[in-house]
Structure formats: C-alpha cells, structure tokens
Amino acid sequence: MRLFEKGQGATEYLLMLAAVLVIVAIAVYYVTSTGGFPTVSATAVKHDNEIRINVLSGSIPAGDWQYRITGDTYNPEPNWADGTEELKAPYVPLATNLNPDKYYVSLKHKPSGHVYITEQTITIS
C-alpha cells in the first residue's frame, strides 16, 4: 500500500508543476503580445495660424501615428487622421490656415494605441 501512496504524491506534484507551467506560459503570451510603443516627447503648439507637433526627442515612422484636431467649429466629429510623414524633430505641421478658434489636439501611436497627447488646447486668435 505504501508504494501506491508514493505514486499518488508524485502525480500530485507533476499536476502542480503542469499548472504552474501553464500559468507562466499564459503570462508570457500576454506580456509579449501587448507590444510596445516608441518613446517620444512631443507637444502641440501654435505657429501663426498653424498647428504643429514639436518633437523634442524620439520619432515614429510615417503611418504609425495618428492625430486628431477638434474645435468648436472645426471637425465637430472627432476622427483620427494618419500621419503621412515621419514624426521627428524639430516639428511636423498638422493643420494650416486655420480660422480663429479654440482647438483640441490629440496624438497617438497607431499600432499600440498609446496616447501621447490628449486634447491639448491650442487657441488661434
């Protein structure tokens, strides 16, 4: 009878080890599937009647970033637009020849969804 008890203990040990391995595999899958995002330091600024993104450090390839500009009379339905050029220093122009208004600018990394700027207010007078 003692031999059977030792076999049962070994089976329980192997089942616990298998459970730990499954949990570790699931954790590794979720950590590696989330992806990262580039480290970028940027801010939205006004230059005359234009809105720009000033990039202080880092860059994002063209097509991998999106921006949104909304205002009281400008683009009342907020839609994300793809960046058509590389987001890099010193700046990237977003919108030109804007009418006087209060605008809200957002910037995000498209593949990861990471938001760098959330509705930063720019006033053009």
Foldseek 3Di string as FASTA:
>chain_A
DVVVVVVVVVVVVVVVVVVVVVVVVVVVVVVVVLDDDWDWDWDWADDQQWIKIATPDDKDAFQFKWKWKDFPPPCPPTDTDGGHGIQDPGIDTDDPPHDFTKMFMWMAGRPNRHTNGGGDIYGHD
